[in-house]
């Protein structure tokens, strides 16, 4: 069983930045596709970003492209989400997730295909 623990959330003004971290337990982290999702109150969970096992491929939702950067450090079993130029509409609980058997880039946005989830970290952007 893999455990994922997010940190780094908080309250920030519009235009500010935050960096989220997600630390994974277990020896096979480096083989997983890792993703970030978010869920705002009253809304469905939505894809934010994903990164392939070696960091060679990164994928973003259109709403965050150019503002967010996903990265990973397999030696530290950690995936990051650097968020810049934050907007009030970025306010949500952010979750990291791991996919043991990714099926191609078209599937990365599908939350149902991820096997493990963290507990989430709250990001609040004030206007």
Foldseek 3Di string as FASTA:
>chain_A
DKAKAKDWADEEAQQAKIKMKIAMDDDCLLQWKKFKWWDDPPDDIWGAKIAGSPRPDIDGDPVQPPFWDWDDDSVRRMIMIIGGSDDQVVWTWMKMFIANDDDDDVCPGPPVRTDYIYPTDTHGYHD
